[in-house]
């Protein structure tokens, strides 16, 4: 199979990555993002900002951890 490129580290991007890995652990996958790539629910961002919480407080995993866990770059 050809290498796969996913654009965006939002919920859809990381969900797609996880689903690909359930079916195929060998095909190279690269995830491209304009932000730091931390995994958090982006829809919760507006609520966090409204209550004075920083976006970083929402992150449940760094981009590096997600890449390592899912064998991606």
Protein backbone atom coordinates (compact mmCIF):
# COMPACT_ATOMS: atom_id res chain seq x y z
CA UNK A 1 0.00 0.00 0.00
CA UNK A 2 1.15 3.57 -0.64
CA UNK A 3 2.06 5.87 2.26
CA UNK A 4 -0.89 7.78 3.71
CA UNK A 5 -0.93 11.51 4.53
CA UNK A 6 -3.56 12.89 6.90
CA UNK A 7 -4.02 16.66 7.01
CA UNK A 8 -5.14 17.97 10.38
CA UNK A 9 -4.69 16.85 13.98
CA UNK A 10 -8.27 17.37 15.03
CA UNK A 11 -10.60 14.65 16.21
CA UNK A 12 -11.25 13.51 12.63
CA UNK A 13 -7.54 13.28 11.79
CA UNK A 14 -6.62 11.29 14.88
CA UNK A 15 -9.72 9.08 14.58
CA UNK A 16 -8.79 8.29 10.99
CA UNK A 17 -5.24 7.46 12.09
CA UNK A 18 -6.50 5.12 14.82
CA UNK A 19 -8.90 3.38 12.41
CA UNK A 20 -6.14 2.90 9.84
CA UNK A 21 -3.91 1.38 12.51
CA UNK A 22 -6.63 -1.06 13.58
CA UNK A 23 -6.52 -2.50 10.07
CA UNK A 24 -2.92 -1.92 9.00
CA UNK A 25 0.09 -1.46 11.26
CA UNK A 26 2.74 -1.39 8.53
CA UNK A 27 1.76 1.29 6.01
CA UNK A 28 3.59 4.57 6.68
CA UNK A 29 1.24 7.30 7.90
CA UNK A 30 2.16 10.98 8.23
CA UNK A 31 -0.12 13.46 9.98
CA UNK A 32 0.38 17.12 9.04
CA UNK A 33 -0.89 19.95 11.23
CA UNK A 34 -0.47 23.70 11.54
CA UNK A 35 -0.71 23.60 15.34
CA UNK A 36 1.33 21.69 17.93
CA UNK A 37 -0.57 18.47 17.23
CA UNK A 38 -1.64 17.87 20.83
CA UNK A 39 -4.67 15.60 21.13
CA UNK A 40 -7.69 17.27 22.68
CA UNK A 41 -11.32 17.74 21.82
CA UNK A 42 -11.23 20.89 19.69
CA UNK A 43 -14.97 21.53 20.21
CA UNK A 44 -14.24 21.96 23.95
CA UNK A 45 -11.83 24.79 23.17
CA UNK A 46 -14.50 27.51 23.19
CA UNK A 47 -15.79 26.35 26.58
CA UNK A 48 -12.26 26.28 28.00
CA UNK A 49 -11.51 29.78 26.79
CA UNK A 50 -14.83 31.06 28.15
CA UNK A 51 -13.91 29.76 31.60
CA UNK A 52 -10.34 31.06 31.49
CA UNK A 53 -8.62 27.71 30.93
CA UNK A 54 -5.73 27.49 28.51
CA UNK A 55 -5.98 25.25 25.46
CA UNK A 56 -2.93 23.34 26.70
CA UNK A 57 -4.93 22.25 29.76
CA UNK A 58 -7.27 20.29 27.47
CA UNK A 59 -4.53 18.15 25.93
CA UNK A 60 -4.66 14.49 26.85
CA UNK A 61 -1.61 13.54 24.75
CA UNK A 62 1.21 15.34 22.96
CA UNK A 63 1.81 14.96 19.24
CA UNK A 64 4.90 12.89 20.02
CA UNK A 65 2.95 10.48 22.22
CA UNK A 66 0.20 10.12 19.63
CA UNK A 67 2.78 9.46 16.90
CA UNK A 68 4.56 6.85 19.01
CA UNK A 69 1.33 5.16 20.10
CA UNK A 70 0.03 4.96 16.52
CA UNK A 71 3.34 4.31 14.71
CA UNK A 72 3.04 7.51 12.68
CA UNK A 73 5.14 10.55 11.88
